[in-house]
PDB file of N, CA and C in Angstrom:
ATOM      1  N   UNK A   1       1.009  -1.070  -0.161  1.00  0.00           N
ATOM      2  CA  UNK A   1      -0.049  -0.084  -0.165  1.00  0.00           C
ATOM      3  C   UNK A   1       0.885   1.426  -0.273  1.00  0.00           C
ATOM      4  N   UNK A   2       1.876   1.208   0.616  1.00  0.00           N
ATOM      5  CA  UNK A   2       2.874   2.376   1.005  1.00  0.00           C
ATOM      6  C   UNK A   2       3.555   2.835  -0.515  1.00  0.00           C
ATOM      7  N   UNK A   3       3.892   1.605  -1.311  1.00  0.00           N
ATOM      8  CA  UNK A   3       4.369   1.884  -2.542  1.00  0.00           C
ATOM      9  C   UNK A   3       3.531   2.626  -3.495  1.00  0.00           C
ATOM     10  N   UNK A   4       2.243   2.290  -3.323  1.00  0.00           N
ATOM     11  CA  UNK A   4       1.178   2.636  -4.161  1.00  0.00           C
ATOM     12  C   UNK A   4       1.051   4.176  -4.114  1.00  0.00           C
ATOM     13  N   UNK A   5       0.868   4.287  -2.858  1.00  0.00           N
ATOM     14  CA  UNK A   5       0.918   5.859  -2.343  1.00  0.00           C
ATOM     15  C   UNK A   5       2.053   6.761  -2.482  1.00  0.00           C
ATOM     16  N   UNK A   6       3.083   6.243  -2.612  1.00  0.00           N
ATOM     17  CA  UNK A   6       4.529   6.970  -3.299  1.00  0.00           C
ATOM     18  C   UNK A   6       4.146   6.997  -4.653  1.00  0.00           C
ATOM     19  N   UNK A   7       3.922   5.962  -5.300  1.00  0.00           N
ATOM     20  CA  UNK A   7       3.682   6.296  -6.792  1.00  0.00           C
ATOM     21  C   UNK A   7       2.568   7.154  -7.310  1.00  0.00           C
ATOM     22  N   UNK A   8       1.555   7.114  -6.432  1.00  0.00           N
ATOM     23  CA  UNK A   8       0.529   7.976  -7.098  1.00  0.00           C
ATOM     24  C   UNK A   8       0.981   9.506  -6.418  1.00  0.00           C
ATOM     25  N   UNK A   9       1.878   9.636  -5.518  1.00  0.00           N
ATOM     26  CA  UNK A   9       2.394  11.055  -4.846  1.00  0.00           C
ATOM     27  C   UNK A   9       3.340  11.316  -6.342  1.00  0.00           C
ATOM     28  N   UNK A  10       4.135  10.422  -6.634  1.00  0.00           N
ATOM     29  CA  UNK A  10       4.876  10.808  -7.895  1.00  0.00           C
ATOM     30  C   UNK A  10       4.518  11.299  -8.988  1.00  0.00           C
ATOM     31  N   UNK A  11       3.422  10.728  -9.517  1.00  0.00           N
ATOM     32  CA  UNK A  11       2.590  10.835 -10.553  1.00  0.00           C
ATOM     33  C   UNK A  11       1.856  12.378 -10.330  1.00  0.00           C
ATOM     34  N   UNK A  12       1.490  12.639  -9.374  1.00  0.00           N
ATOM     35  CA  UNK A  12       0.963  14.035  -9.175  1.00  0.00           C
ATOM     36  C   UNK A  12       2.093  15.118  -9.456  1.00  0.00           C
ATOM     37  N   UNK A  13       3.187  15.095  -8.472  1.00  0.00           N
ATOM     38  CA  UNK A  13       4.027  15.894  -8.554  1.00  0.00           C
ATOM     39  C   UNK A  13       4.755  16.276  -9.852  1.00  0.00           C
ATOM     40  N   UNK A  14       4.924  14.727 -10.648  1.00  0.00           N
ATOM     41  CA  UNK A  14       5.724  14.965 -11.988  1.00  0.00           C
ATOM     42  C   UNK A  14       4.539  15.936 -12.760  1.00  0.00           C
ATOM     43  N   UNK A  15       3.357  15.722 -12.819  1.00  0.00           N
ATOM     44  CA  UNK A  15       2.451  16.368 -13.714  1.00  0.00           C
ATOM     45  C   UNK A  15       2.237  17.722 -13.235  1.00  0.00           C
ATOM     46  N   UNK A  16       2.403  18.344 -12.466  1.00  0.00           N
ATOM     47  CA  UNK A  16       2.719  19.807 -11.954  1.00  0.00           C
ATOM     48  C   UNK A  16       4.294  20.119 -12.347  1.00  0.00           C
ATOM     49  N   UNK A  17       5.158  19.314 -12.229  1.00  0.00           N
ATOM     50  CA  UNK A  17       6.335  19.746 -12.769  1.00  0.00           C
ATOM     51  C   UNK A  17       6.795  19.809 -14.315  1.00  0.00           C
ATOM     52  N   UNK A  18       5.897  18.763 -14.933  1.00  0.00           N
ATOM     53  CA  UNK A  18       5.707  18.903 -16.331  1.00  0.00           C
ATOM     54  C   UNK A  18       5.209  20.601 -16.733  1.00  0.00           C
ATOM     55  N   UNK A  19       4.255  20.585 -16.262  1.00  0.00           N
ATOM     56  CA  UNK A  19       3.720  21.901 -16.658  1.00  0.00           C
ATOM     57  C   UNK A  19       4.387  22.983 -16.224  1.00  0.00           C
ATOM     58  N   UNK A  20       5.318  23.236 -15.144  1.00  0.00           N
ATOM     59  CA  UNK A  20       6.148  24.443 -14.848  1.00  0.00           C
ATOM     60  C   UNK A  20       7.545  24.339 -15.257  1.00  0.00           C
ATOM     61  N   UNK A  21       8.030  23.037 -15.430  1.00  0.00           N
ATOM     62  CA  UNK A  21       9.632  22.906 -15.557  1.00  0.00           C
ATOM     63  C   UNK A  21      10.161  23.861 -16.904  1.00  0.00           C
ATOM     64  N   UNK A  22      11.379  24.706 -16.257  1.00  0.00           N
ATOM     65  CA  UNK A  22      11.877  25.434 -17.075  1.00  0.00           C
ATOM     66  C   UNK A  22      12.751  24.741 -17.813  1.00  0.00           C
ATOM     67  N   UNK A  23      12.924  25.322 -19.226  1.00  0.00           N
ATOM     68  CA  UNK A  23      14.042  24.367 -20.035  1.00  0.00           C
ATOM     69  C   UNK A  23      14.932  25.414 -20.635  1.00  0.00           C
ATOM     70  N   UNK A  24      15.734  25.011 -21.203  1.00  0.00           N
ATOM     71  CA  UNK A  24      17.138  25.836 -21.797  1.00  0.00           C
ATOM     72  C   UNK A  24      16.685  26.099 -23.294  1.00  0.00           C
ATOM     73  N   UNK A  25      17.094  26.770 -23.760  1.00  0.00           N
ATOM     74  CA  UNK A  25      16.923  27.200 -25.125  1.00  0.00           C
ATOM     75  C   UNK A  25      16.622  25.794 -26.121  1.00  0.00           C
ATOM     76  N   UNK A  26      17.598  24.822 -25.758  1.00  0.00           N
ATOM     77  CA  UNK A  26      17.311  23.515 -26.728  1.00  0.00           C
ATOM     78  C   UNK A  26      16.407  22.367 -26.031  1.00  0.00           C
ATOM     79  N   UNK A  27      16.057  22.970 -24.851  1.00  0.00           N
ATOM     80  CA  UNK A  27      15.195  21.840 -24.138  1.00  0.00           C
ATOM     81  C   UNK A  27      15.988  20.807 -23.636  1.00  0.00           C
ATOM     82  N   UNK A  28      17.319  20.905 -23.474  1.00  0.00           N
ATOM     83  CA  UNK A  28      18.213  19.877 -22.728  1.00  0.00           C
ATOM     84  C   UNK A  28      18.484  20.296 -21.412  1.00  0.00           C
ATOM     85  N   UNK A  29      18.797  19.127 -20.399  1.00  0.00           N
ATOM     86  CA  UNK A  29      19.129  19.273 -19.212  1.00  0.00           C
ATOM     87  C   UNK A  29      19.997  18.572 -18.806  1.00  0.00           C
ATOM     88  N   UNK A  30      19.892  18.123 -17.578  1.00  0.00           N
ATOM     89  CA  UNK A  30      20.601  16.887 -16.892  1.00  0.00           C
ATOM     90  C   UNK A  30      20.376  15.699 -17.779  1.00  0.00           C
ATOM     91  N   UNK A  31      19.091  15.514 -17.859  1.00  0.00           N
ATOM     92  CA  UNK A  31      18.563  14.222 -18.175  1.00  0.00           C
ATOM     93  C   UNK A  31      18.323  14.506 -19.982  1.00  0.00           C
ATOM     94  N   UNK A  32      19.024  15.053 -20.565  1.00  0.00           N
ATOM     95  CA  UNK A  32      18.504  15.213 -21.921  1.00  0.00           C
ATOM     96  C   UNK A  32      17.023  16.261 -22.215  1.00  0.00           C
ATOM     97  N   UNK A  33      16.453  15.652 -22.944  1.00  0.00           N
ATOM     98  CA  UNK A  33      15.206  16.761 -22.883  1.00  0.00           C
ATOM     99  C   UNK A  33      14.037  16.147 -22.078  1.00  0.00           C
ATOM    100  N   UNK A  34      14.198  15.035 -21.505  1.00  0.00           N
ATOM    101  CA  UNK A  34      13.421  14.746 -20.256  1.00  0.00           C
ATOM    102  C   UNK A  34      13.827  15.547 -18.923  1.00  0.00           C
ATOM    103  N   UNK A  35      12.877  15.949 -18.070  1.00  0.00           N
ATOM    104  CA  UNK A  35      13.057  16.614 -16.919  1.00  0.00           C
ATOM    105  C   UNK A  35      13.405  15.472 -15.798  1.00  0.00           C
ATOM    106  N   UNK A  36      14.272  15.758 -15.192  1.00  0.00           N
ATOM    107  CA  UNK A  36      14.634  14.864 -14.004  1.00  0.00           C
ATOM    108  C   UNK A  36      13.507  14.496 -13.056  1.00  0.00           C
ATOM    109  N   UNK A  37      12.382  15.449 -12.875  1.00  0.00           N
ATOM    110  CA  UNK A  37      11.326  15.095 -12.244  1.00  0.00           C
ATOM    111  C   UNK A  37      10.289  13.910 -12.948  1.00  0.00           C
ATOM    112  N   UNK A  38      10.406  13.948 -14.169  1.00  0.00           N
ATOM    113  CA  UNK A  38       9.752  12.781 -15.211  1.00  0.00           C
ATOM    114  C   UNK A  38      10.597  11.569 -14.863  1.00  0.00           C
ATOM    115  N   UNK A  39      11.938  11.546 -14.956  1.00  0.00           N
ATOM    116  CA  UNK A  39      13.008  10.433 -14.966  1.00  0.00           C
ATOM    117  C   UNK A  39      12.654   9.866 -13.731  1.00  0.00           C
ATOM    118  N   UNK A  40      12.283  10.602 -12.655  1.00  0.00           N
ATOM    119  CA  UNK A  40      12.318  10.020 -11.270  1.00  0.00           C
ATOM    120  C   UNK A  40      11.279   9.060 -11.251  1.00  0.00           C
ATOM    121  N   UNK A  41      10.051   9.054 -11.808  1.00  0.00           N
ATOM    122  CA  UNK A  41       9.288   7.892 -12.189  1.00  0.00           C
ATOM    123  C   UNK A  41       9.770   6.720 -12.261  1.00  0.00           C
ATOM    124  N   UNK A  42      11.039   6.620 -12.791  1.00  0.00           N
ATOM    125  CA  UNK A  42      11.735   5.086 -12.808  1.00  0.00           C
ATOM    126  C   UNK A  42      12.060   4.341 -11.685  1.00  0.00           C
ATOM    127  N   UNK A  43      12.090   5.470 -10.884  1.00  0.00           N
ATOM    128  CA  UNK A  43      13.022   4.881  -9.537  1.00  0.00           C
ATOM    129  C   UNK A  43      11.840   4.418  -8.231  1.00  0.00           C
ATOM    130  N   UNK A  44      10.522   4.276  -9.130  1.00  0.00           N
ATOM    131  CA  UNK A  44       9.505   3.865  -8.256  1.00  0.00           C
ATOM    132  C   UNK A  44       9.902   2.363  -7.152  1.00  0.00           C
ATOM    133  N   UNK A  45      10.548   1.559  -8.259  1.00  0.00           N
ATOM    134  CA  UNK A  45      10.900   0.365  -7.337  1.00  0.00           C
ATOM    135  C   UNK A  45      11.976   0.618  -6.525  1.00  0.00           C
ATOM    136  N   UNK A  46      12.510   2.045  -6.371  1.00  0.00           N
ATOM    137  CA  UNK A  46      13.977   2.031  -5.081  1.00  0.00           C
ATOM    138  C   UNK A  46      12.925   2.718  -3.971  1.00  0.00           C
ATOM    139  N   UNK A  47      11.746   3.071  -3.793  1.00  0.00           N
ATOM    140  CA  UNK A  47      10.904   3.617  -2.545  1.00  0.00           C
ATOM    141  C   UNK A  47      11.525   3.216  -1.232  1.00  0.00           C
ATOM    142  N   UNK A  48      11.629   1.893  -0.992  1.00  0.00           N
ATOM    143  CA  UNK A  48      11.963   1.584   0.568  1.00  0.00           C
ATOM    144  C   UNK A  48      13.184   1.496   0.066  1.00  0.00           C
ATOM    145  N   UNK A  49      14.162   1.236  -0.774  1.00  0.00           N
ATOM    146  CA  UNK A  49      15.725   1.580  -0.594  1.00  0.00           C
ATOM    147  C   UNK A  49      16.191   2.917  -0.382  1.00  0.00           C
ATOM    148  N   UNK A  50      15.434   3.783  -0.732  1.00  0.00           N
ATOM    149  CA  UNK A  50      15.649   4.785  -0.592  1.00  0.00           C
ATOM    150  C   UNK A  50      15.208   5.529   0.651  1.00  0.00           C
ATOM    151  N   UNK A  51      14.763   4.789   1.445  1.00  0.00           N
ATOM    152  CA  UNK A  51      14.396   5.465   2.727  1.00  0.00           C
ATOM    153  C   UNK A  51      14.974   4.778   3.475  1.00  0.00           C
ATOM    154  N   UNK A  52      15.579   3.680   3.816  1.00  0.00           N
ATOM    155  CA  UNK A  52      16.468   2.624   4.570  1.00  0.00           C
ATOM    156  C   UNK A  52      17.566   2.413   4.217  1.00  0.00           C
ATOM    157  N   UNK A  53      18.951   3.130   4.756  1.00  0.00           N
ATOM    158  CA  UNK A  53      20.081   2.744   4.293  1.00  0.00           C
ATOM    159  C   UNK A  53      20.648   1.309   4.387  1.00  0.00           C
ATOM    160  N   UNK A  54      19.793   0.598   5.276  1.00  0.00           N
ATOM    161  CA  UNK A  54      20.231  -0.630   5.656  1.00  0.00           C
ATOM    162  C   UNK A  54      19.563  -1.886   4.468  1.00  0.00           C
ATOM    163  N   UNK A  55      18.683  -1.297   3.899  1.00  0.00           N
ATOM    164  CA  UNK A  55      18.061  -2.372   2.996  1.00  0.00           C
ATOM    165  C   UNK A  55      18.600  -2.487   1.805  1.00  0.00           C
ATOM    166  N   UNK A  56      18.211  -3.707   1.489  1.00  0.00           N
ATOM    167  CA  UNK A  56      19.025  -4.131  -0.061  1.00  0.00           C
ATOM    168  C   UNK A  56      17.960  -3.684  -1.127  1.00  0.00           C
ATOM    169  N   UNK A  57      18.541  -3.090  -2.078  1.00  0.00           N
ATOM    170  CA  UNK A  57      17.455  -2.577  -3.068  1.00  0.00           C
ATOM    171  C   UNK A  57      17.399  -3.997  -4.086  1.00  0.00           C
ATOM    172  N   UNK A  58      16.272  -3.959  -4.303  1.00  0.00           N
ATOM    173  CA  UNK A  58      15.584  -4.726  -5.348  1.00  0.00           C
ATOM    174  C   UNK A  58      16.384  -5.011  -6.637  1.00  0.00           C
ATOM    175  N   UNK A  59      16.194  -5.889  -7.350  1.00  0.00           N
ATOM    176  CA  UNK A  59      16.783  -5.894  -8.765  1.00  0.00           C
ATOM    177  C   UNK A  59      16.201  -4.982  -9.766  1.00  0.00           C
ATOM    178  N   UNK A  60      14.784  -4.821  -9.534  1.00  0.00           N
ATOM    179  CA  UNK A  60      14.039  -3.866 -10.401  1.00  0.00           C
ATOM    180  C   UNK A  60      14.775  -2.588 -10.120  1.00  0.00           C
ATOM    181  N   UNK A  61      15.124  -2.202  -8.795  1.00  0.00           N
ATOM    182  CA  UNK A  61      15.608  -0.793  -8.738  1.00  0.00           C
ATOM    183  C   UNK A  61      17.037  -0.564  -8.980  1.00  0.00           C
ATOM    184  N   UNK A  62      17.767  -1.707  -8.849  1.00  0.00           N
ATOM    185  CA  UNK A  62      19.101  -1.432  -9.268  1.00  0.00           C
ATOM    186  C   UNK A  62      19.379  -1.377 -10.795  1.00  0.00           C
ATOM    187  N   UNK A  63      18.299  -2.068 -11.608  1.00  0.00           N
ATOM    188  CA  UNK A  63      18.120  -2.036 -13.035  1.00  0.00           C
ATOM    189  C   UNK A  63      18.064  -0.732 -13.492  1.00  0.00           C
ATOM    190  N   UNK A  64      16.999   0.047 -13.108  1.00  0.00           N
ATOM    191  CA  UNK A  64      16.480   1.398 -12.944  1.00  0.00           C
ATOM    192  C   UNK A  64      17.639   2.336 -12.582  1.00  0.00           C
ATOM    193  N   UNK A  65      18.305   2.282 -11.682  1.00  0.00           N
ATOM    194  CA  UNK A  65      19.341   3.223 -11.211  1.00  0.00           C
ATOM    195  C   UNK A  65      20.547   2.907 -12.188  1.00  0.00           C
ATOM    196  N   UNK A  66      20.848   1.653 -12.732  1.00  0.00           N
ATOM    197  CA  UNK A  66      22.117   1.589 -13.863  1.00  0.00           C
ATOM    198  C   UNK A  66      21.480   2.374 -14.822  1.00  0.00           C
ATOM    199  N   UNK A  67      20.409   2.099 -15.435  1.00  0.00           N
ATOM    200  CA  UNK A  67      20.093   2.622 -16.558  1.00  0.00           C
ATOM    201  C   UNK A  67      20.224   4.234 -16.799  1.00  0.00           C
ATOM    202  N   UNK A  68      19.716   4.895 -15.495  1.00  0.00           N
ATOM    203  CA  UNK A  68      19.691   6.066 -15.292  1.00  0.00           C
ATOM    204  C   UNK A  68      21.087   6.720 -15.539  1.00  0.00           C
ATOM    205  N   UNK A  69      21.937   5.973 -14.357  1.00  0.00           N
ATOM    206  CA  UNK A  69      23.313   6.314 -14.365  1.00  0.00           C
ATOM    207  C   UNK A  69      24.031   6.128 -15.646  1.00  0.00           C
ATOM    208  N   UNK A  70      23.745   5.280 -16.685  1.00  0.00           N
ATOM    209  CA  UNK A  70      24.470   4.999 -17.806  1.00  0.00           C
ATOM    210  C   UNK A  70      24.126   6.494 -18.735  1.00  0.00           C
ATOM    211  N   UNK A  71      23.106   6.986 -18.555  1.00  0.00           N
ATOM    212  CA  UNK A  71      22.793   7.955 -19.253  1.00  0.00           C
ATOM    213  C   UNK A  71      23.667   8.946 -18.643  1.00  0.00           C
ATOM    214  N   UNK A  72      23.951   9.422 -17.525  1.00  0.00           N
ATOM    215  CA  UNK A  72      24.867  10.470 -17.071  1.00  0.00           C
ATOM    216  C   UNK A  72      24.746  10.417 -15.521  1.00  0.00           C
ATOM    217  N   UNK A  73      26.167  10.692 -15.009  1.00  0.00           N
ATOM    218  CA  UNK A  73      25.790  10.658 -13.559  1.00  0.00           C
ATOM    219  C   UNK A  73      25.039  11.907 -13.047  1.00  0.00           C
ATOM    220  N   UNK A  74      25.205  13.203 -13.841  1.00  0.00           N
ATOM    221  CA  UNK A  74      24.532  14.230 -13.600  1.00  0.00           C
ATOM    222  C   UNK A  74      23.055  13.881 -13.540  1.00  0.00           C
ATOM    223  N   UNK A  75      22.290  13.028 -14.680  1.00  0.00           N
ATOM    224  CA  UNK A  75      21.182  12.983 -14.577  1.00  0.00           C
ATOM    225  C   UNK A  75      20.700  12.137 -13.446  1.00  0.00           C
ATOM    226  N   UNK A  76      21.350  11.090 -12.898  1.00  0.00           N
ATOM    227  CA  UNK A  76      21.153  10.260 -11.651  1.00  0.00           C
ATOM    228  C   UNK A  76      21.257  11.115 -10.344  1.00  0.00           C
ATOM    229  N   UNK A  77      22.053  12.269 -10.230  1.00  0.00           N
ATOM    230  CA  UNK A  77      22.010  13.098  -9.274  1.00  0.00           C
ATOM    231  C   UNK A  77      20.877  14.026  -9.192  1.00  0.00           C
ATOM    232  N   UNK A  78      20.627  14.535 -10.331  1.00  0.00           N
ATOM    233  CA  UNK A  78      19.599  15.713 -10.515  1.00  0.00           C
ATOM    234  C   UNK A  78      17.926  14.597 -10.425  1.00  0.00           C
ATOM    235  N   UNK A  79      17.987  13.520 -10.634  1.00  0.00           N
ATOM    236  CA  UNK A  79      16.728  12.621 -10.416  1.00  0.00           C
ATOM    237  C   UNK A  79      16.632  12.224  -9.057  1.00  0.00           C
ATOM    238  N   UNK A  80      17.760  11.913  -8.289  1.00  0.00           N
ATOM    239  CA  UNK A  80      17.555  11.578  -6.728  1.00  0.00           C
ATOM    240  C   UNK A  80      17.427  12.944  -5.882  1.00  0.00           C
ATOM    241  N   UNK A  81      17.752  14.220  -6.530  1.00  0.00           N
ATOM    242  CA  UNK A  81      17.594  15.280  -5.459  1.00  0.00           C
ATOM    243  C   UNK A  81      16.532  15.975  -6.235  1.00  0.00           C
ATOM    244  N   UNK A  82      15.516  15.568  -7.220  1.00  0.00           N
ATOM    245  CA  UNK A  82      14.327  16.136  -7.730  1.00  0.00           C
ATOM    246  C   UNK A  82      13.347  16.826  -6.806  1.00  0.00           C
ATOM    247  N   UNK A  83      12.365  17.394  -7.313  1.00  0.00           N
ATOM    248  CA  UNK A  83      11.330  17.985  -6.493  1.00  0.00           C
ATOM    249  C   UNK A  83      10.386  16.702  -6.326  1.00  0.00           C
ATOM    250  N   UNK A  84      10.441  15.804  -7.444  1.00  0.00           N
ATOM    251  CA  UNK A  84       9.633  14.499  -7.286  1.00  0.00           C
ATOM    252  C   UNK A  84      10.083  13.879  -6.037  1.00  0.00           C
ATOM    253  N   UNK A  85      11.310  13.485  -6.247  1.00  0.00           N
ATOM    254  CA  UNK A  85      12.003  12.606  -5.198  1.00  0.00           C
ATOM    255  C   UNK A  85      11.332  13.052  -3.840  1.00  0.00           C
ATOM    256  N   UNK A  86      11.660  14.274  -3.449  1.00  0.00           N
ATOM    257  CA  UNK A  86      11.710  14.964  -2.150  1.00  0.00           C
ATOM    258  C   UNK A  86      10.336  14.786  -2.006  1.00  0.00           C
ATOM    259  N   UNK A  87       9.419  15.334  -2.828  1.00  0.00           N
ATOM    260  CA  UNK A  87       7.974  15.091  -2.392  1.00  0.00           C
ATOM    261  C   UNK A  87       7.534  13.825  -1.828  1.00  0.00           C
ATOM    262  N   UNK A  88       8.060  12.860  -2.876  1.00  0.00           N
ATOM    263  CA  UNK A  88       7.645  11.501  -2.269  1.00  0.00           C
ATOM    264  C   UNK A  88       8.199  11.048  -0.769  1.00  0.00           C
ATOM    265  N   UNK A  89       9.212  11.670  -0.447  1.00  0.00           N
ATOM    266  CA  UNK A  89       9.441  11.300   0.925  1.00  0.00           C
ATOM    267  C   UNK A  89      11.052  10.611   0.607  1.00  0.00           C
ATOM    268  N   UNK A  90      11.876  10.816  -0.397  1.00  0.00           N
ATOM    269  CA  UNK A  90      12.998  10.219  -0.427  1.00  0.00           C
ATOM    270  C   UNK A  90      13.943  11.004   0.066  1.00  0.00           C
ATOM    271  N   UNK A  91      14.743  10.281   0.840  1.00  0.00           N
ATOM    272  CA  UNK A  91      15.643  10.764   1.678  1.00  0.00           C
ATOM    273  C   UNK A  91      17.161  11.227   0.867  1.00  0.00           C
ATOM    274  N   UNK A  92      17.533  12.270   0.224  1.00  0.00           N
ATOM    275  CA  UNK A  92      18.671  12.254  -0.852  1.00  0.00           C
ATOM    276  C   UNK A  92      19.988  11.708  -0.451  1.00  0.00           C
ATOM    277  N   UNK A  93      20.176  11.823   1.123  1.00  0.00           N
ATOM    278  CA  UNK A  93      21.311  10.926   1.563  1.00  0.00           C
ATOM    279  C   UNK A  93      21.326   9.712   1.667  1.00  0.00           C
ATOM    280  N   UNK A  94      20.218   9.030   1.494  1.00  0.00           N
ATOM    281  CA  UNK A  94      20.159   7.626   1.519  1.00  0.00           C
ATOM    282  C   UNK A  94      19.928   6.935   0.226  1.00  0.00           C
ATOM    283  N   UNK A  95      19.457   7.747  -0.614  1.00  0.00           N
ATOM    284  CA  UNK A  95      18.878   7.443  -2.410  1.00  0.00           C
ATOM    285  C   UNK A  95      20.533   7.772  -2.896  1.00  0.00           C
ATOM    286  N   UNK A  96      21.221   8.698  -2.669  1.00  0.00           N
ATOM    287  CA  UNK A  96      22.423   8.387  -3.288  1.00  0.00           C
ATOM    288  C   UNK A  96      23.456   7.353  -3.183  1.00  0.00           C
ATOM    289  N   UNK A  97      23.141   6.290  -2.051  1.00  0.00           N
ATOM    290  CA  UNK A  97      24.047   5.545  -1.923  1.00  0.00           C
ATOM    291  C   UNK A  97      23.577   3.835  -2.781  1.00  0.00           C
ATOM    292  N   UNK A  98      22.487   3.934  -3.125  1.00  0.00           N
ATOM    293  CA  UNK A  98      22.060   2.915  -3.940  1.00  0.00           C
ATOM    294  C   UNK A  98      22.751   2.589  -4.949  1.00  0.00           C
ATOM    295  N   UNK A  99      23.510   3.168  -5.770  1.00  0.00           N
ATOM    296  CA  UNK A  99      24.406   2.434  -6.666  1.00  0.00           C
ATOM    297  C   UNK A  99      25.497   1.656  -6.029  1.00  0.00           C
ATOM    298  N   UNK A 100      25.816   1.979  -4.941  1.00  0.00           N
ATOM    299  CA  UNK A 100      27.055   1.549  -4.064  1.00  0.00           C
ATOM    300  C   UNK A 100      26.330   0.197  -3.734  1.00  0.00           C
ATOM    301  N   UNK A 101      24.977   0.067  -2.966  1.00  0.00           N
ATOM    302  CA  UNK A 101      24.434  -0.928  -2.726  1.00  0.00           C
ATOM    303  C   UNK A 101      23.692  -1.755  -3.430  1.00  0.00           C
ATOM    304  N   UNK A 102      23.742  -1.210  -4.808  1.00  0.00           N
ATOM    305  CA  UNK A 102      23.420  -2.073  -5.764  1.00  0.00           C
ATOM    306  C   UNK A 102      24.961  -3.049  -6.447  1.00  0.00           C
ATOM    307  N   UNK A 103      25.828  -2.434  -6.027  1.00  0.00           N
ATOM    308  CA  UNK A 103      27.202  -3.016  -6.114  1.00  0.00           C
ATOM    309  C   UNK A 103      27.138  -3.045  -7.987  1.00  0.00           C
ATOM    310  N   UNK A 104      26.994  -1.805  -8.369  1.00  0.00           N
ATOM    311  CA  UNK A 104      27.053  -1.542  -9.835  1.00  0.00           C
ATOM    312  C   UNK A 104      28.614  -1.059 -10.108  1.00  0.00           C
ATOM    313  N   UNK A 105      29.236  -1.847 -10.851  1.00  0.00           N
ATOM    314  CA  UNK A 105      30.618  -1.612 -11.583  1.00  0.00           C
ATOM    315  C   UNK A 105      31.022  -0.263 -11.725  1.00  0.00           C
ATOM    316  N   UNK A 106      30.353   0.070 -12.666  1.00  0.00           N
ATOM    317  CA  UNK A 106      30.137   1.236 -13.554  1.00  0.00           C
ATOM    318  C   UNK A 106      29.776   2.693 -12.683  1.00  0.00           C
ATOM    319  N   UNK A 107      29.208   2.660 -11.449  1.00  0.00           N
ATOM    320  CA  UNK A 107      28.678   3.614 -10.575  1.00  0.00           C
ATOM    321  C   UNK A 107      29.763   4.662 -10.316  1.00  0.00           C
ATOM    322  N   UNK A 108      29.391   6.252 -10.846  1.00  0.00           N
ATOM    323  CA  UNK A 108      30.222   7.208 -10.675  1.00  0.00           C
ATOM    324  C   UNK A 108      31.050   7.300  -9.181  1.00  0.00           C
ATOM    325  N   UNK A 109      31.851   6.747  -8.942  1.00  0.00           N
ATOM    326  CA  UNK A 109      32.841   6.883  -7.746  1.00  0.00           C
ATOM    327  C   UNK A 109      33.447   7.837  -7.561  1.00  0.00           C
ATOM    328  N   UNK A 110      33.408   8.688  -6.544  1.00  0.00           N
ATOM    329  CA  UNK A 110      33.562   9.780  -6.251  1.00  0.00           C
ATOM    330  C   UNK A 110      33.267  10.987  -6.927  1.00  0.00           C
ATOM    331  N   UNK A 111      31.964  10.930  -7.430  1.00  0.00           N
ATOM    332  CA  UNK A 111      31.348  11.866  -8.212  1.00  0.00           C
ATOM    333  C   UNK A 111      30.405  12.826  -6.999  1.00  0.00           C
ATOM    334  N   UNK A 112      30.722  13.948  -6.895  1.00  0.00           N
ATOM    335  CA  UNK A 112      29.999  14.621  -6.053  1.00  0.00           C
ATOM    336  C   UNK A 112      28.286  14.636  -6.672  1.00  0.00           C
ATOM    337  N   UNK A 113      27.407  14.503  -5.806  1.00  0.00           N
ATOM    338  CA  UNK A 113      26.195  14.752  -5.796  1.00  0.00           C
ATOM    339  C   UNK A 113      25.381  15.342  -4.994  1.00  0.00           C
ATOM    340  N   UNK A 114      25.152  16.996  -5.024  1.00  0.00           N
ATOM    341  CA  UNK A 114      24.503  17.729  -4.214  1.00  0.00           C
ATOM    342  C   UNK A 114      25.051  17.797  -2.754  1.00  0.00           C
ATOM    343  N   UNK A 115      26.690  17.922  -3.196  1.00  0.00           N
ATOM    344  CA  UNK A 115      27.479  18.032  -2.080  1.00  0.00           C
ATOM    345  C   UNK A 115      28.138  16.830  -1.292  1.00  0.00           C
ATOM    346  N   UNK A 116      27.123  15.625  -1.585  1.00  0.00           N
ATOM    347  CA  UNK A 116      27.503  14.336  -0.876  1.00  0.00           C
ATOM    348  C   UNK A 116      28.245  13.544  -1.968  1.00  0.00           C
ATOM    349  N   UNK A 117      28.960  12.511  -1.452  1.00  0.00           N
ATOM    350  CA  UNK A 117      29.724  11.241  -2.630  1.00  0.00           C
ATOM    351  C   UNK A 117      28.694  10.334  -2.734  1.00  0.00           C
ATOM    352  N   UNK A 118      28.613  10.297  -3.899  1.00  0.00           N
ATOM    353  CA  UNK A 118      27.670   9.145  -4.656  1.00  0.00           C
ATOM    354  C   UNK A 118      28.515   7.927  -5.010  1.00  0.00           C
ATOM    355  N   UNK A 119      29.260   7.594  -4.022  1.00  0.00           N
ATOM    356  CA  UNK A 119      29.938   6.379  -4.244  1.00  0.00           C
ATOM    357  C   UNK A 119      29.377   4.948  -3.476  1.00  0.00           C
TER     358      UNK A 119
END
């Protein structure tokens, strides 16, 4: 039930963000033409892992994080620090540890994410 509530909250926040999201002249940002608040919906399987630093992320969570991280470390940081994630109750300091907890070999080790390290 909690995951469903988080998913519904994400949809509402993303809808509002899509209407108000400022874009550069070419529409590109950290995640290309897609706003980080929209990309954040892909992290719905990570809801529990982003709240509890002691939990093991699910396989679907690790797959989503890996796919976003391959796009760019800047995009992954922007998604984890997005208004959508924050509104869903995601703790950024916990969320940025997910790539390490997923044992992703190509995670951005040492990359600064919002003043914290995402290693």
